[in-house]
Structure formats: C-alpha cells, structure tokens
Amino acid sequence: MTARTPIRSRTPATGVDTRLPWWALALPVAAFVALLLLITDPGQAHAAAGAGDPSVGRFLQALQQTLGR
C-alpha cells in the first residue's frame, strides 16, 4: 500500500490578507492634497471651502509652473 504525498501550493499559507481597503490609499492622498493646498496659499486656509474656491486654481497654476521648470 502506497502513501499519498501531500501537494504543496506555491504560495505560503500565512493566513494574512495582504489586500488593502480603499481608505488605506484614499486617506493619505486626501491629506497630502490638503497639505499641498495649504502650502500654496496658507493665508486663505479655511475650515470649509466653497465650490468656487480660487485657491485650487492657484494651486494648479503653481503646480504647472513647478513642473514646467
């Protein structure tokens, strides 16, 4: 009678899920963008900005000038 040999998978079974939730990337990106907006115009920093906030346009212009160098 022969014994069966166990079949090993190529990936180790660690039991840890390596996938990140959506907010693990979204929150740092949102914080980074908020800090960049504060750097471009710290005098106009508000707790809640309106939809027609001109600081976003100034930020994009500063970003374009920086990348254009």
PDB file of N, CA and C in Angstrom:
ATOM      1  N   MET A   1       0.846  -1.167   0.000  1.00  0.00           N
ATOM      2  CA  MET A   1       0.000   0.000   0.000  1.00  0.00           C
ATOM      3  C   MET A   1       0.899   1.240   0.000  1.00  0.00           C
ATOM      4  N   THR A   2       0.646   2.146  -0.926  1.00  0.00           N
ATOM      5  CA  THR A   2       1.475   3.341  -1.021  1.00  0.00           C
ATOM      6  C   THR A   2       0.804   4.526  -0.334  1.00  0.00           C
ATOM      7  N   ALA A   3       1.627   5.377   0.251  1.00  0.00           N
ATOM      8  CA  ALA A   3       1.103   6.572   0.913  1.00  0.00           C
ATOM      9  C   ALA A   3       1.060   7.727  -0.079  1.00  0.00           C
ATOM     10  N   ARG A   4       0.043   8.535   0.018  1.00  0.00           N
ATOM     11  CA  ARG A   4      -0.081   9.694  -0.851  1.00  0.00           C
ATOM     12  C   ARG A   4       0.808  10.823  -0.339  1.00  0.00           C
ATOM     13  N   THR A   5       1.456  11.495  -1.262  1.00  0.00           N
ATOM     14  CA  THR A   5       2.279  12.636  -0.864  1.00  0.00           C
ATOM     15  C   THR A   5       1.429  13.902  -0.950  1.00  0.00           C
ATOM     16  N   PRO A   6       1.550  14.769   0.042  1.00  0.00           N
ATOM     17  CA  PRO A   6       0.737  15.995   0.011  1.00  0.00           C
ATOM     18  C   PRO A   6       1.221  16.940  -1.090  1.00  0.00           C
ATOM     19  N   ILE A   7       0.262  17.597  -1.719  1.00  0.00           N
ATOM     20  CA  ILE A   7       0.575  18.561  -2.780  1.00  0.00           C
ATOM     21  C   ILE A   7       0.754  19.927  -2.138  1.00  0.00           C
ATOM     22  N   ARG A   8       1.908  20.542  -2.371  1.00  0.00           N
ATOM     23  CA  ARG A   8       2.191  21.856  -1.798  1.00  0.00           C
ATOM     24  C   ARG A   8       1.838  22.951  -2.796  1.00  0.00           C
ATOM     25  N   SER A   9       1.252  24.000  -2.266  1.00  0.00           N
ATOM     26  CA  SER A   9       0.973  25.144  -3.138  1.00  0.00           C
ATOM     27  C   SER A   9       2.206  26.039  -3.206  1.00  0.00           C
ATOM     28  N   ARG A  10       2.274  26.847  -4.229  1.00  0.00           N
ATOM     29  CA  ARG A  10       3.435  27.725  -4.392  1.00  0.00           C
ATOM     30  C   ARG A  10       3.396  28.927  -3.472  1.00  0.00           C
ATOM     31  N   THR A  11       2.227  29.336  -3.040  1.00  0.00           N
ATOM     32  CA  THR A  11       2.113  30.481  -2.136  1.00  0.00           C
ATOM     33  C   THR A  11       2.040  29.973  -0.700  1.00  0.00           C
ATOM     34  N   PRO A  12       2.802  30.583   0.188  1.00  0.00           N
ATOM     35  CA  PRO A  12       2.756  30.140   1.576  1.00  0.00           C
ATOM     36  C   PRO A  12       1.431  30.521   2.229  1.00  0.00           C
ATOM     37  N   ALA A  13       0.915  29.643   3.026  1.00  0.00           N
ATOM     38  CA  ALA A  13      -0.352  29.881   3.709  1.00  0.00           C
ATOM     39  C   ALA A  13      -0.075  30.567   5.040  1.00  0.00           C
ATOM     40  N   THR A  14      -0.030  31.890   5.024  1.00  0.00           N
ATOM     41  CA  THR A  14       0.250  32.633   6.251  1.00  0.00           C
ATOM     42  C   THR A  14      -1.017  33.012   6.987  1.00  0.00           C
ATOM     43  N   GLY A  15      -2.154  33.037   6.285  1.00  0.00           N
ATOM     44  CA  GLY A  15      -3.401  33.398   6.919  1.00  0.00           C
ATOM     45  C   GLY A  15      -3.596  34.901   7.036  1.00  0.00           C
ATOM     46  N   VAL A  16      -2.737  35.689   6.387  1.00  0.00           N
ATOM     47  CA  VAL A  16      -2.834  37.141   6.449  1.00  0.00           C
ATOM     48  C   VAL A  16      -3.320  37.651   5.100  1.00  0.00           C
ATOM     49  N   ASP A  17      -4.345  38.497   5.135  1.00  0.00           N
ATOM     50  CA  ASP A  17      -4.867  39.084   3.912  1.00  0.00           C
ATOM     51  C   ASP A  17      -4.041  40.315   3.575  1.00  0.00           C
ATOM     52  N   THR A  18      -3.380  40.312   2.414  1.00  0.00           N
ATOM     53  CA  THR A  18      -2.478  41.398   2.065  1.00  0.00           C
ATOM     54  C   THR A  18      -3.157  42.495   1.255  1.00  0.00           C
ATOM     55  N   ARG A  19      -4.424  42.356   0.940  1.00  0.00           N
ATOM     56  CA  ARG A  19      -5.124  43.392   0.201  1.00  0.00           C
ATOM     57  C   ARG A  19      -5.461  44.554   1.132  1.00  0.00           C
ATOM     58  N   LEU A  20      -5.341  45.774   0.617  1.00  0.00           N
ATOM     59  CA  LEU A  20      -5.627  46.966   1.397  1.00  0.00           C
ATOM     60  C   LEU A  20      -7.058  47.421   1.160  1.00  0.00           C
ATOM     61  N   PRO A  21      -7.703  47.962   2.180  1.00  0.00           N
ATOM     62  CA  PRO A  21      -9.029  48.548   1.951  1.00  0.00           C
ATOM     63  C   PRO A  21      -8.894  49.853   1.155  1.00  0.00           C
ATOM     64  N   TRP A  22      -9.993  50.333   0.593  1.00  0.00           N
ATOM     65  CA  TRP A  22      -9.959  51.519  -0.265  1.00  0.00           C
ATOM     66  C   TRP A  22      -9.447  52.737   0.472  1.00  0.00           C
ATOM     67  N   TRP A  23      -9.780  52.869   1.752  1.00  0.00           N
ATOM     68  CA  TRP A  23      -9.404  54.063   2.501  1.00  0.00           C
ATOM     69  C   TRP A  23      -7.931  54.071   2.895  1.00  0.00           C
ATOM     70  N   ALA A  24      -7.261  52.947   2.796  1.00  0.00           N
ATOM     71  CA  ALA A  24      -5.835  52.910   3.138  1.00  0.00           C
ATOM     72  C   ALA A  24      -5.006  53.721   2.140  1.00  0.00           C
ATOM     73  N   LEU A  25      -5.501  53.944   0.958  1.00  0.00           N
ATOM     74  CA  LEU A  25      -4.830  54.791  -0.017  1.00  0.00           C
ATOM     75  C   LEU A  25      -5.518  56.148  -0.137  1.00  0.00           C
ATOM     76  N   ALA A  26      -6.842  56.170   0.005  1.00  0.00           N
ATOM     77  CA  ALA A  26      -7.588  57.414  -0.191  1.00  0.00           C
ATOM     78  C   ALA A  26      -7.299  58.442   0.909  1.00  0.00           C
ATOM     79  N   LEU A  27      -7.192  58.031   2.139  1.00  0.00           N
ATOM     80  CA  LEU A  27      -6.962  58.983   3.228  1.00  0.00           C
ATOM     81  C   LEU A  27      -5.592  59.644   3.162  1.00  0.00           C
ATOM     82  N   PRO A  28      -4.504  58.923   2.952  1.00  0.00           N
ATOM     83  CA  PRO A  28      -3.216  59.611   2.812  1.00  0.00           C
ATOM     84  C   PRO A  28      -3.164  60.539   1.596  1.00  0.00           C
ATOM     85  N   VAL A  29      -3.801  60.146   0.500  1.00  0.00           N
ATOM     86  CA  VAL A  29      -3.816  61.010  -0.683  1.00  0.00           C
ATOM     87  C   VAL A  29      -4.594  62.284  -0.392  1.00  0.00           C
ATOM     88  N   ALA A  30      -5.740  62.173   0.285  1.00  0.00           N
ATOM     89  CA  ALA A  30      -6.530  63.356   0.629  1.00  0.00           C
ATOM     90  C   ALA A  30      -5.756  64.269   1.575  1.00  0.00           C
ATOM     91  N   ALA A  31      -5.060  63.707   2.538  1.00  0.00           N
ATOM     92  CA  ALA A  31      -4.266  64.515   3.464  1.00  0.00           C
ATOM     93  C   ALA A  31      -3.119  65.201   2.735  1.00  0.00           C
ATOM     94  N   PHE A  32      -2.481  64.516   1.818  1.00  0.00           N
ATOM     95  CA  PHE A  32      -1.384  65.092   1.054  1.00  0.00           C
ATOM     96  C   PHE A  32      -1.866  66.259   0.201  1.00  0.00           C
ATOM     97  N   VAL A  33      -3.001  66.105  -0.454  1.00  0.00           N
ATOM     98  CA  VAL A  33      -3.553  67.174  -1.283  1.00  0.00           C
ATOM     99  C   VAL A  33      -3.943  68.365  -0.415  1.00  0.00           C
ATOM    100  N   ALA A  34      -4.527  68.107   0.745  1.00  0.00           N
ATOM    101  CA  ALA A  34      -4.903  69.211   1.642  1.00  0.00           C
ATOM    102  C   ALA A  34      -3.668  69.974   2.109  1.00  0.00           C
ATOM    103  N   LEU A  35      -2.609  69.279   2.434  1.00  0.00           N
ATOM    104  CA  LEU A  35      -1.384  69.957   2.856  1.00  0.00           C
ATOM    105  C   LEU A  35      -0.756  70.749   1.712  1.00  0.00           C
ATOM    106  N   LEU A  36      -0.803  70.223   0.500  1.00  0.00           N
ATOM    107  CA  LEU A  36      -0.284  70.968  -0.641  1.00  0.00           C
ATOM    108  C   LEU A  36      -1.091  72.242  -0.873  1.00  0.00           C
ATOM    109  N   LEU A  37      -2.397  72.164  -0.688  1.00  0.00           N
ATOM    110  CA  LEU A  37      -3.226  73.361  -0.839  1.00  0.00           C
ATOM    111  C   LEU A  37      -2.890  74.387   0.235  1.00  0.00           C
ATOM    112  N   LEU A  38      -2.592  73.953   1.432  1.00  0.00           N
ATOM    113  CA  LEU A  38      -2.218  74.886   2.492  1.00  0.00           C
ATOM    114  C   LEU A  38      -0.862  75.517   2.234  1.00  0.00           C
ATOM    115  N   ILE A  39       0.043  74.774   1.621  1.00  0.00           N
ATOM    116  CA  ILE A  39       1.368  75.305   1.332  1.00  0.00           C
ATOM    117  C   ILE A  39       1.289  76.391   0.261  1.00  0.00           C
ATOM    118  N   THR A  40       0.449  76.191  -0.744  1.00  0.00           N
ATOM    119  CA  THR A  40       0.386  77.146  -1.841  1.00  0.00           C
ATOM    120  C   THR A  40      -0.196  78.475  -1.410  1.00  0.00           C
ATOM    121  N   ASP A  41      -1.139  78.492  -0.474  1.00  0.00           N
ATOM    122  CA  ASP A  41      -1.744  79.744  -0.031  1.00  0.00           C
ATOM    123  C   ASP A  41      -2.191  79.614   1.425  1.00  0.00           C
ATOM    124  N   PRO A  42      -1.277  79.700   2.388  1.00  0.00           N
ATOM    125  CA  PRO A  42      -1.643  79.494   3.783  1.00  0.00           C
ATOM    126  C   PRO A  42      -2.530  80.608   4.339  1.00  0.00           C
ATOM    127  N   GLY A  43      -2.523  81.786   3.757  1.00  0.00           N
ATOM    128  CA  GLY A  43      -3.355  82.873   4.257  1.00  0.00           C
ATOM    129  C   GLY A  43      -4.828  82.668   3.975  1.00  0.00           C
ATOM    130  N   GLN A  44      -5.150  81.869   3.000  1.00  0.00           N
ATOM    131  CA  GLN A  44      -6.538  81.638   2.620  1.00  0.00           C
ATOM    132  C   GLN A  44      -7.071  80.303   3.137  1.00  0.00           C
ATOM    133  N   ALA A  45      -6.416  79.711   4.102  1.00  0.00           N
ATOM    134  CA  ALA A  45      -6.859  78.419   4.627  1.00  0.00           C
ATOM    135  C   ALA A  45      -8.147  78.601   5.422  1.00  0.00           C
ATOM    136  N   HIS A  46      -9.153  77.834   5.072  1.00  0.00           N
ATOM    137  CA  HIS A  46     -10.453  77.869   5.751  1.00  0.00           C
ATOM    138  C   HIS A  46     -10.812  76.463   6.200  1.00  0.00           C
ATOM    139  N   ALA A  47     -11.712  76.401   7.174  1.00  0.00           N
ATOM    140  CA  ALA A  47     -12.143  75.090   7.652  1.00  0.00           C
ATOM    141  C   ALA A  47     -12.965  74.377   6.588  1.00  0.00           C
ATOM    142  N   ALA A  48     -13.807  75.126   5.890  1.00  0.00           N
ATOM    143  CA  ALA A  48     -14.618  74.536   4.827  1.00  0.00           C
ATOM    144  C   ALA A  48     -14.611  75.495   3.650  1.00  0.00           C
ATOM    145  N   ALA A  49     -14.086  75.067   2.540  1.00  0.00           N
ATOM    146  CA  ALA A  49     -14.007  75.916   1.360  1.00  0.00           C
ATOM    147  C   ALA A  49     -15.226  75.692   0.479  1.00  0.00           C
ATOM    148  N   GLY A  50     -15.631  76.742  -0.215  1.00  0.00           N
ATOM    149  CA  GLY A  50     -16.773  76.644  -1.123  1.00  0.00           C
ATOM    150  C   GLY A  50     -16.398  75.964  -2.415  1.00  0.00           C
ATOM    151  N   ALA A  51     -17.408  75.762  -3.269  1.00  0.00           N
ATOM    152  CA  ALA A  51     -17.170  75.071  -4.531  1.00  0.00           C
ATOM    153  C   ALA A  51     -16.374  75.940  -5.496  1.00  0.00           C
ATOM    154  N   GLY A  52     -16.525  77.258  -5.405  1.00  0.00           N
ATOM    155  CA  GLY A  52     -15.815  78.142  -6.307  1.00  0.00           C
ATOM    156  C   GLY A  52     -14.543  78.687  -5.686  1.00  0.00           C
ATOM    157  N   ASP A  53     -13.828  77.876  -4.966  1.00  0.00           N
ATOM    158  CA  ASP A  53     -12.633  78.305  -4.247  1.00  0.00           C
ATOM    159  C   ASP A  53     -11.500  78.592  -5.223  1.00  0.00           C
ATOM    160  N   PRO A  54     -11.001  79.839  -5.275  1.00  0.00           N
ATOM    161  CA  PRO A  54      -9.936  80.162  -6.235  1.00  0.00           C
ATOM    162  C   PRO A  54      -8.566  79.612  -5.839  1.00  0.00           C
ATOM    163  N   SER A  55      -8.411  79.137  -4.602  1.00  0.00           N
ATOM    164  CA  SER A  55      -7.104  78.618  -4.197  1.00  0.00           C
ATOM    165  C   SER A  55      -6.751  77.340  -4.950  1.00  0.00           C
ATOM    166  N   VAL A  56      -7.747  76.596  -5.395  1.00  0.00           N
ATOM    167  CA  VAL A  56      -7.473  75.390  -6.172  1.00  0.00           C
ATOM    168  C   VAL A  56      -6.856  75.777  -7.517  1.00  0.00           C
ATOM    169  N   GLY A  57      -7.376  76.843  -8.113  1.00  0.00           N
ATOM    170  CA  GLY A  57      -6.805  77.315  -9.371  1.00  0.00           C
ATOM    171  C   GLY A  57      -5.383  77.805  -9.190  1.00  0.00           C
ATOM    172  N   ARG A  58      -5.131  78.505  -8.078  1.00  0.00           N
ATOM    173  CA  ARG A  58      -3.768  78.972  -7.811  1.00  0.00           C
ATOM    174  C   ARG A  58      -2.841  77.794  -7.551  1.00  0.00           C
ATOM    175  N   PHE A  59      -3.355  76.780  -6.896  1.00  0.00           N
ATOM    176  CA  PHE A  59      -2.542  75.585  -6.653  1.00  0.00           C
ATOM    177  C   PHE A  59      -2.167  74.910  -7.966  1.00  0.00           C
ATOM    178  N   LEU A  60      -3.136  74.789  -8.854  1.00  0.00           N
ATOM    179  CA  LEU A  60      -2.849  74.142 -10.131  1.00  0.00           C
ATOM    180  C   LEU A  60      -1.871  74.965 -10.965  1.00  0.00           C
ATOM    181  N   GLN A  61      -1.974  76.297 -10.890  1.00  0.00           N
ATOM    182  CA  GLN A  61      -1.013  77.135 -11.596  1.00  0.00           C
ATOM    183  C   GLN A  61       0.388  76.976 -11.016  1.00  0.00           C
ATOM    184  N   ALA A  62       0.488  76.944  -9.684  1.00  0.00           N
ATOM    185  CA  ALA A  62       1.790  76.758  -9.051  1.00  0.00           C
ATOM    186  C   ALA A  62       2.373  75.388  -9.395  1.00  0.00           C
ATOM    187  N   LEU A  63       1.529  74.379  -9.434  1.00  0.00           N
ATOM    188  CA  LEU A  63       1.978  73.036  -9.798  1.00  0.00           C
ATOM    189  C   LEU A  63       2.465  73.005 -11.245  1.00  0.00           C
ATOM    190  N   GLN A  64       1.751  73.682 -12.129  1.00  0.00           N
ATOM    191  CA  GLN A  64       2.141  73.727 -13.529  1.00  0.00           C
ATOM    192  C   GLN A  64       3.471  74.463 -13.693  1.00  0.00           C
ATOM    193  N   GLN A  65       3.663  75.549 -12.959  1.00  0.00           N
ATOM    194  CA  GLN A  65       4.919  76.284 -13.031  1.00  0.00           C
ATOM    195  C   GLN A  65       6.069  75.452 -12.492  1.00  0.00           C
ATOM    196  N   THR A  66       5.820  74.716 -11.414  1.00  0.00           N
ATOM    197  CA  THR A  66       6.863  73.899 -10.811  1.00  0.00           C
ATOM    198  C   THR A  66       7.271  72.758 -11.744  1.00  0.00           C
ATOM    199  N   LEU A  67       6.281  72.129 -12.349  1.00  0.00           N
ATOM    200  CA  LEU A  67       6.576  71.008 -13.245  1.00  0.00           C
ATOM    201  C   LEU A  67       7.131  71.503 -14.581  1.00  0.00           C
ATOM    202  N   GLY A  68       6.873  72.757 -14.937  1.00  0.00           N
ATOM    203  CA  GLY A  68       7.349  73.295 -16.210  1.00  0.00           C
ATOM    204  C   GLY A  68       8.817  73.688 -16.180  1.00  0.00           C
ATOM    205  N   ARG A  69       9.415  73.734 -15.014  1.00  0.00           N
ATOM    206  CA  ARG A  69      10.826  74.133 -14.896  1.00  0.00           C
ATOM    207  C   ARG A  69      11.745  73.084 -15.441  1.00  0.00           C
TER     208      ARG A  69
END
